[in-house]
Amino acid sequence: MEAHTGTRTPSRTPLTPAAVGGPVVLAVGLVLTLSAWDDAVPDPARHQIFLSLWFLGAALLAARLFLDGLPSAPYLPRSAVTFAIGLVGSASVATMPWSDLGSVFWYQLWFSVPLLTGLAYAAFRPSSGPSAPGT
């Protein structure tokens, strides 16, 4: 009788919570964007520009999460995530109808702050990717 001394290798790559969280963030971002697209706001064009740029930021966060969760996937650089922080932050300020804040202020606040927090965490957390200090 022979004993197996080799280690078993899984037939497929295990999914980590980050790999699952990426598509969830993308789906939530898409639902929020589409549900708010035709809202009654003072300036619909600015509103849609904000939502488009906000969704781009959400998509970059989703890509970072998804790629970080796969062991053999390419790495999304920290600079792409910091670009998304600037994109969402500047879109929030530039598309705000400052003369008639009302509900626009609240939805931009409730959309932007959680996304900016997630992007900041994804950009500046210690990771094993190429942008980690000492690598």
N, C-alpha and C. Protein backbone atom coordinates (compact mmCIF):
# COMPACT_ATOMS: atom_id res chain seq x y z
N MET A 1 0.83 -1.17 0.00
CA MET A 1 0.00 0.00 0.00
C MET A 1 0.88 1.25 0.00
N GLU A 2 0.57 2.18 -0.88
CA GLU A 2 1.36 3.42 -0.99
C GLU A 2 0.64 4.57 -0.32
N ALA A 3 1.40 5.39 0.34
CA ALA A 3 0.84 6.60 0.96
C ALA A 3 1.06 7.77 0.00
N HIS A 4 0.06 8.58 -0.12
CA HIS A 4 0.18 9.77 -0.97
C HIS A 4 0.89 10.86 -0.18
N THR A 5 2.02 11.29 -0.69
CA THR A 5 2.78 12.33 0.00
C THR A 5 2.59 13.70 -0.62
N GLY A 6 2.07 13.76 -1.83
CA GLY A 6 1.87 15.05 -2.49
C GLY A 6 0.68 15.79 -1.91
N THR A 7 0.68 17.11 -2.10
CA THR A 7 -0.44 17.91 -1.63
C THR A 7 -1.49 17.97 -2.72
N ARG A 8 -2.72 18.08 -2.29
CA ARG A 8 -3.81 18.21 -3.25
C ARG A 8 -3.90 19.64 -3.73
N THR A 9 -4.07 19.81 -4.99
CA THR A 9 -4.27 21.15 -5.52
C THR A 9 -5.73 21.26 -5.93
N PRO A 10 -6.38 22.35 -5.56
CA PRO A 10 -7.79 22.49 -5.94
C PRO A 10 -7.92 22.65 -7.44
N SER A 11 -9.02 22.18 -7.96
CA SER A 11 -9.22 22.23 -9.41
C SER A 11 -9.59 23.63 -9.88
N ARG A 12 -10.09 24.47 -8.99
CA ARG A 12 -10.41 25.84 -9.38
C ARG A 12 -9.99 26.79 -8.26
N THR A 13 -9.83 28.04 -8.62
CA THR A 13 -9.38 29.05 -7.67
C THR A 13 -10.51 29.37 -6.69
N PRO A 14 -10.23 29.36 -5.39
CA PRO A 14 -11.28 29.70 -4.44
C PRO A 14 -11.60 31.19 -4.49
N LEU A 15 -12.87 31.51 -4.33
CA LEU A 15 -13.28 32.90 -4.32
C LEU A 15 -13.13 33.46 -2.91
N THR A 16 -12.56 34.63 -2.82
CA THR A 16 -12.43 35.30 -1.54
C THR A 16 -13.59 36.29 -1.39
N PRO A 17 -13.82 36.81 -0.19
CA PRO A 17 -14.89 37.80 -0.03
C PRO A 17 -14.71 39.03 -0.94
N ALA A 18 -13.48 39.43 -1.19
CA ALA A 18 -13.25 40.59 -2.06
C ALA A 18 -13.67 40.28 -3.49
N ALA A 19 -13.42 39.07 -3.96
CA ALA A 19 -13.80 38.70 -5.32
C ALA A 19 -15.31 38.66 -5.47
N VAL A 20 -16.01 38.33 -4.41
CA VAL A 20 -17.47 38.35 -4.44
C VAL A 20 -17.98 39.76 -4.23
N GLY A 21 -17.30 40.55 -3.40
CA GLY A 21 -17.72 41.91 -3.11
C GLY A 21 -17.62 42.84 -4.30
N GLY A 22 -16.68 42.60 -5.19
CA GLY A 22 -16.54 43.45 -6.38
C GLY A 22 -17.80 43.48 -7.23
N PRO A 23 -18.32 42.31 -7.64
CA PRO A 23 -19.56 42.33 -8.41
C PRO A 23 -20.76 42.89 -7.63
N VAL A 24 -20.77 42.70 -6.31
CA VAL A 24 -21.85 43.25 -5.50
C VAL A 24 -21.79 44.78 -5.52
N VAL A 25 -20.60 45.35 -5.37
CA VAL A 25 -20.45 46.81 -5.43
C VAL A 25 -20.87 47.32 -6.80
N LEU A 26 -20.49 46.62 -7.86
CA LEU A 26 -20.86 47.03 -9.21
C LEU A 26 -22.38 46.98 -9.39
N ALA A 27 -23.03 45.93 -8.90
CA ALA A 27 -24.48 45.80 -9.04
C ALA A 27 -25.21 46.88 -8.25
N VAL A 28 -24.77 47.14 -7.02
CA VAL A 28 -25.40 48.19 -6.21
C VAL A 28 -25.20 49.55 -6.87
N GLY A 29 -24.00 49.81 -7.37
CA GLY A 29 -23.74 51.07 -8.07
C GLY A 29 -24.62 51.25 -9.29
N LEU A 30 -24.82 50.18 -10.04
CA LEU A 30 -25.66 50.25 -11.23
C LEU A 30 -27.12 50.50 -10.85
N VAL A 31 -27.61 49.81 -9.83
CA VAL A 31 -28.99 50.00 -9.38
C VAL A 31 -29.20 51.43 -8.89
N LEU A 32 -28.27 51.95 -8.07
CA LEU A 32 -28.40 53.32 -7.58
C LEU A 32 -28.37 54.34 -8.72
N THR A 33 -27.47 54.13 -9.66
CA THR A 33 -27.36 55.05 -10.79
C THR A 33 -28.63 55.05 -11.63
N LEU A 34 -29.13 53.87 -11.97
CA LEU A 34 -30.32 53.79 -12.81
C LEU A 34 -31.57 54.27 -12.09
N SER A 35 -31.65 54.02 -10.78
CA SER A 35 -32.84 54.45 -10.05
C SER A 35 -32.88 55.96 -9.87
N ALA A 36 -31.73 56.61 -9.86
CA ALA A 36 -31.69 58.06 -9.67
C ALA A 36 -31.56 58.83 -10.98
N TRP A 37 -31.45 58.15 -12.09
CA TRP A 37 -31.13 58.81 -13.37
C TRP A 37 -32.16 59.87 -13.75
N ASP A 38 -33.45 59.59 -13.63
CA ASP A 38 -34.49 60.51 -14.08
C ASP A 38 -35.17 61.25 -12.94
N ASP A 39 -34.47 61.45 -11.82
CA ASP A 39 -35.05 62.18 -10.70
C ASP A 39 -35.34 63.63 -11.08
N ALA A 40 -36.32 64.20 -10.40
CA ALA A 40 -36.66 65.61 -10.61
C ALA A 40 -35.67 66.47 -9.82
N VAL A 41 -34.72 67.04 -10.52
CA VAL A 41 -33.68 67.87 -9.91
C VAL A 41 -33.62 69.20 -10.67
N PRO A 42 -33.02 70.22 -10.07
CA PRO A 42 -32.96 71.53 -10.74
C PRO A 42 -32.22 71.49 -12.08
N ASP A 43 -31.16 70.70 -12.20
CA ASP A 43 -30.39 70.65 -13.44
C ASP A 43 -30.14 69.18 -13.82
N PRO A 44 -31.00 68.60 -14.66
CA PRO A 44 -30.87 67.18 -15.00
C PRO A 44 -29.55 66.82 -15.68
N ALA A 45 -28.99 67.72 -16.46
CA ALA A 45 -27.73 67.41 -17.14
C ALA A 45 -26.60 67.25 -16.12
N ARG A 46 -26.49 68.17 -15.19
CA ARG A 46 -25.47 68.05 -14.14
C ARG A 46 -25.68 66.80 -13.30
N HIS A 47 -26.94 66.50 -13.02
CA HIS A 47 -27.30 65.32 -12.25
C HIS A 47 -26.80 64.05 -12.95
N GLN A 48 -27.02 63.97 -14.24
CA GLN A 48 -26.60 62.78 -14.99
C GLN A 48 -25.09 62.72 -15.16
N ILE A 49 -24.44 63.86 -15.25
CA ILE A 49 -22.97 63.86 -15.28
C ILE A 49 -22.43 63.34 -13.95
N PHE A 50 -23.00 63.82 -12.84
CA PHE A 50 -22.58 63.33 -11.53
C PHE A 50 -22.78 61.82 -11.44
N LEU A 51 -23.95 61.34 -11.82
CA LEU A 51 -24.22 59.91 -11.71
C LEU A 51 -23.28 59.09 -12.59
N SER A 52 -22.96 59.59 -13.77
CA SER A 52 -22.04 58.86 -14.66
C SER A 52 -20.65 58.77 -14.05
N LEU A 53 -20.14 59.88 -13.53
CA LEU A 53 -18.81 59.87 -12.93
C LEU A 53 -18.80 59.09 -11.62
N TRP A 54 -19.90 59.17 -10.86
CA TRP A 54 -20.00 58.40 -9.63
C TRP A 54 -19.98 56.91 -9.94
N PHE A 55 -20.71 56.50 -10.99
CA PHE A 55 -20.72 55.09 -11.36
C PHE A 55 -19.35 54.63 -11.85
N LEU A 56 -18.63 55.50 -12.52
CA LEU A 56 -17.27 55.15 -12.94
C LEU A 56 -16.39 54.90 -11.72
N GLY A 57 -16.53 55.73 -10.69
CA GLY A 57 -15.80 55.50 -9.44
C GLY A 57 -16.20 54.19 -8.79
N ALA A 58 -17.51 53.88 -8.79
CA ALA A 58 -17.98 52.62 -8.22
C ALA A 58 -17.44 51.43 -9.02
N ALA A 59 -17.36 51.57 -10.33
CA ALA A 59 -16.83 50.49 -11.16
C ALA A 59 -15.34 50.26 -10.90
N LEU A 60 -14.58 51.34 -10.69
CA LEU A 60 -13.17 51.18 -10.36
C LEU A 60 -12.97 50.52 -9.01
N LEU A 61 -13.82 50.87 -8.03
CA LEU A 61 -13.75 50.21 -6.73
C LEU A 61 -14.10 48.73 -6.87
N ALA A 62 -15.12 48.43 -7.64
CA ALA A 62 -15.51 47.03 -7.86
C ALA A 62 -14.39 46.26 -8.53
N ALA A 63 -13.73 46.87 -9.51
CA ALA A 63 -12.61 46.18 -10.19
C ALA A 63 -11.47 45.93 -9.22
N ARG A 64 -11.17 46.92 -8.38
CA ARG A 64 -10.09 46.75 -7.41
C ARG A 64 -10.40 45.61 -6.43
N LEU A 65 -11.63 45.58 -5.93
CA LEU A 65 -12.03 44.52 -5.01
C LEU A 65 -11.96 43.15 -5.69
N PHE A 66 -12.52 43.07 -6.88
CA PHE A 66 -12.57 41.80 -7.60
C PHE A 66 -11.17 41.28 -7.91
N LEU A 67 -10.33 42.16 -8.42
CA LEU A 67 -8.97 41.72 -8.78
C LEU A 67 -8.12 41.41 -7.55
N ASP A 68 -8.34 42.13 -6.45
CA ASP A 68 -7.62 41.81 -5.21
C ASP A 68 -8.04 40.46 -4.66
N GLY A 69 -9.26 40.04 -4.97
CA GLY A 69 -9.76 38.78 -4.44
C GLY A 69 -9.33 37.56 -5.22
N LEU A 70 -8.79 37.76 -6.40
CA LEU A 70 -8.32 36.63 -7.21
C LEU A 70 -6.81 36.52 -7.08
N PRO A 71 -6.30 35.35 -6.70
CA PRO A 71 -4.86 35.24 -6.46
C PRO A 71 -3.99 35.44 -7.70
N SER A 72 -4.47 35.11 -8.87
CA SER A 72 -3.61 35.19 -10.06
C SER A 72 -4.05 36.29 -11.02
N ALA A 73 -4.90 37.21 -10.58
CA ALA A 73 -5.40 38.26 -11.46
C ALA A 73 -4.41 39.41 -11.54
N PRO A 74 -4.50 40.21 -12.60
CA PRO A 74 -3.65 41.40 -12.66
C PRO A 74 -4.04 42.38 -11.56
N TYR A 75 -3.11 43.23 -11.20
CA TYR A 75 -3.31 44.16 -10.08
C TYR A 75 -3.74 45.52 -10.60
N LEU A 76 -4.81 46.08 -10.04
CA LEU A 76 -5.23 47.43 -10.39
C LEU A 76 -4.42 48.40 -9.54
N PRO A 77 -3.63 49.27 -10.15
CA PRO A 77 -2.72 50.12 -9.37
C PRO A 77 -3.45 51.10 -8.46
N ARG A 78 -2.76 51.48 -7.41
CA ARG A 78 -3.28 52.45 -6.45
C ARG A 78 -3.59 53.77 -7.13
N SER A 79 -2.84 54.13 -8.14
CA SER A 79 -3.08 55.40 -8.83
C SER A 79 -4.45 55.43 -9.50
N ALA A 80 -4.94 54.29 -9.97
CA ALA A 80 -6.28 54.25 -10.58
C ALA A 80 -7.35 54.51 -9.53
N VAL A 81 -7.14 53.99 -8.33
CA VAL A 81 -8.12 54.19 -7.27
C VAL A 81 -8.06 55.62 -6.74
N THR A 82 -6.86 56.20 -6.63
CA THR A 82 -6.78 57.60 -6.20
C THR A 82 -7.34 58.53 -7.27
N PHE A 83 -7.22 58.15 -8.53
CA PHE A 83 -7.87 58.90 -9.61
C PHE A 83 -9.38 58.88 -9.41
N ALA A 84 -9.92 57.73 -9.04
CA ALA A 84 -11.37 57.62 -8.81
C ALA A 84 -11.80 58.48 -7.63
N ILE A 85 -10.96 58.59 -6.60
CA ILE A 85 -11.28 59.46 -5.46
C ILE A 85 -11.41 60.91 -5.95
N GLY A 86 -10.44 61.36 -6.73
CA GLY A 86 -10.50 62.71 -7.28
C GLY A 86 -11.68 62.91 -8.21
N LEU A 87 -11.98 61.89 -8.99
CA LEU A 87 -13.09 61.97 -9.94
C LEU A 87 -14.42 62.12 -9.22
N VAL A 88 -14.67 61.29 -8.24
CA VAL A 88 -15.95 61.35 -7.52
C VAL A 88 -16.03 62.62 -6.68
N GLY A 89 -14.94 62.97 -6.00
CA GLY A 89 -14.94 64.19 -5.19
C GLY A 89 -15.17 65.43 -6.02
N SER A 90 -14.48 65.54 -7.13
CA SER A 90 -14.64 66.74 -7.97
C SER A 90 -16.00 66.75 -8.66
N ALA A 91 -16.51 65.58 -9.03
CA ALA A 91 -17.85 65.53 -9.64
C ALA A 91 -18.91 65.98 -8.64
N SER A 92 -18.72 65.61 -7.38
CA SER A 92 -19.68 66.02 -6.35
C SER A 92 -19.71 67.54 -6.19
N VAL A 93 -18.55 68.14 -6.19
CA VAL A 93 -18.47 69.59 -6.00
C VAL A 93 -18.86 70.35 -7.27
N ALA A 94 -18.39 69.89 -8.41
CA ALA A 94 -18.62 70.62 -9.66
C ALA A 94 -20.05 70.54 -10.16
N THR A 95 -20.76 69.47 -9.86
CA THR A 95 -22.13 69.33 -10.38
C THR A 95 -23.19 69.72 -9.37
N MET A 96 -22.79 70.16 -8.19
CA MET A 96 -23.75 70.58 -7.16
C MET A 96 -24.40 71.89 -7.56
N PRO A 97 -25.74 71.94 -7.59
CA PRO A 97 -26.41 73.22 -7.88
C PRO A 97 -26.40 74.10 -6.63
N TRP A 98 -25.36 74.89 -6.47
CA TRP A 98 -25.13 75.62 -5.22
C TRP A 98 -26.23 76.64 -4.92
N SER A 99 -26.92 77.14 -5.90
CA SER A 99 -27.97 78.12 -5.65
C SER A 99 -29.28 77.47 -5.19
N ASP A 100 -29.44 76.16 -5.44
CA ASP A 100 -30.67 75.46 -5.06
C ASP A 100 -30.31 74.06 -4.58
N LEU A 101 -29.74 73.99 -3.36
CA LEU A 101 -29.26 72.71 -2.85
C LEU A 101 -30.37 71.69 -2.68
N GLY A 102 -31.27 71.91 -1.77
CA GLY A 102 -32.40 71.02 -1.56
C GLY A 102 -31.99 69.55 -1.45
N SER A 103 -32.73 68.70 -2.12
CA SER A 103 -32.50 67.26 -2.05
C SER A 103 -31.24 66.83 -2.80
N VAL A 104 -30.78 67.64 -3.76
CA VAL A 104 -29.59 67.29 -4.52
C VAL A 104 -28.39 67.16 -3.60
N PHE A 105 -28.29 68.06 -2.64
CA PHE A 105 -27.19 67.98 -1.68
C PHE A 105 -27.21 66.64 -0.96
N TRP A 106 -28.39 66.21 -0.52
CA TRP A 106 -28.48 64.98 0.28
C TRP A 106 -28.17 63.74 -0.53
N TYR A 107 -28.69 63.64 -1.77
CA TYR A 107 -28.37 62.42 -2.52
C TYR A 107 -26.91 62.40 -2.93
N GLN A 108 -26.34 63.56 -3.26
CA GLN A 108 -24.92 63.54 -3.59
C GLN A 108 -24.07 63.22 -2.36
N LEU A 109 -24.50 63.68 -1.21
CA LEU A 109 -23.80 63.35 0.03
C LEU A 109 -23.92 61.86 0.32
N TRP A 110 -25.12 61.32 0.25
CA TRP A 110 -25.34 59.90 0.56
C TRP A 110 -24.76 58.98 -0.49
N PHE A 111 -24.61 59.43 -1.71
CA PHE A 111 -23.97 58.61 -2.73
C PHE A 111 -22.45 58.69 -2.62
N SER A 112 -21.92 59.89 -2.39
CA SER A 112 -20.47 60.11 -2.48
C SER A 112 -19.69 59.66 -1.26
N VAL A 113 -20.16 59.95 -0.07
CA VAL A 113 -19.38 59.66 1.13
C VAL A 113 -19.08 58.17 1.28
N PRO A 114 -20.06 57.27 1.16
CA PRO A 114 -19.71 55.84 1.28
C PRO A 114 -18.76 55.37 0.18
N LEU A 115 -18.96 55.86 -1.04
CA LEU A 115 -18.07 55.47 -2.13
C LEU A 115 -16.66 56.00 -1.90
N LEU A 116 -16.55 57.26 -1.50
CA LEU A 116 -15.23 57.82 -1.23
C LEU A 116 -14.53 57.11 -0.08
N THR A 117 -15.29 56.69 0.92
CA THR A 117 -14.72 55.94 2.04
C THR A 117 -14.18 54.59 1.55
N GLY A 118 -14.96 53.90 0.75
CA GLY A 118 -14.51 52.61 0.20
C GLY A 118 -13.30 52.76 -0.69
N LEU A 119 -13.30 53.80 -1.52
CA LEU A 119 -12.15 54.04 -2.39
C LEU A 119 -10.90 54.37 -1.58
N ALA A 120 -11.06 55.19 -0.55
CA ALA A 120 -9.90 55.54 0.29
C ALA A 120 -9.35 54.30 0.99
N TYR A 121 -10.23 53.46 1.48
CA TYR A 121 -9.77 52.23 2.13
C TYR A 121 -9.05 51.33 1.13
N ALA A 122 -9.62 51.19 -0.07
CA ALA A 122 -8.99 50.33 -1.08
C ALA A 122 -7.65 50.89 -1.55
N ALA A 123 -7.53 52.21 -1.59
CA ALA A 123 -6.29 52.80 -2.09
C ALA A 123 -5.18 52.79 -1.05
N PHE A 124 -5.51 52.99 0.20
CA PHE A 124 -4.48 53.22 1.20
C PHE A 124 -4.32 52.11 2.23
N ARG A 125 -5.00 51.00 2.04
CA ARG A 125 -4.81 49.89 2.97
C ARG A 125 -3.55 49.13 2.59
N PRO A 126 -2.92 48.49 3.54
CA PRO A 126 -1.76 47.67 3.22
C PRO A 126 -2.18 46.49 2.36
N SER A 127 -1.45 46.24 1.31
CA SER A 127 -1.79 45.12 0.44
C SER A 127 -0.52 44.43 -0.02
N SER A 128 -0.72 43.31 -0.69
CA SER A 128 0.43 42.56 -1.18
C SER A 128 0.74 42.88 -2.64
N GLY A 129 0.07 43.88 -3.19
CA GLY A 129 0.29 44.22 -4.59
C GLY A 129 1.58 45.00 -4.80
N PRO A 130 1.86 45.35 -6.05
CA PRO A 130 3.10 46.04 -6.38
C PRO A 130 3.22 47.42 -5.74
N SER A 131 2.11 48.05 -5.34
CA SER A 131 2.22 49.39 -4.79
C SER A 131 2.40 49.38 -3.28
N ALA A 132 2.53 48.20 -2.69
CA ALA A 132 2.73 48.12 -1.24
C ALA A 132 4.15 48.58 -0.90
N PRO A 133 4.32 49.27 0.23
CA PRO A 133 5.65 49.74 0.60
C PRO A 133 6.62 48.56 0.79
N GLY A 134 7.81 48.73 0.35
CA GLY A 134 8.83 47.70 0.52
C GLY A 134 8.84 46.63 -0.56
N THR A 135 7.99 46.77 -1.58
CA THR A 135 8.00 45.80 -2.68
C THR A 135 8.54 46.39 -3.93
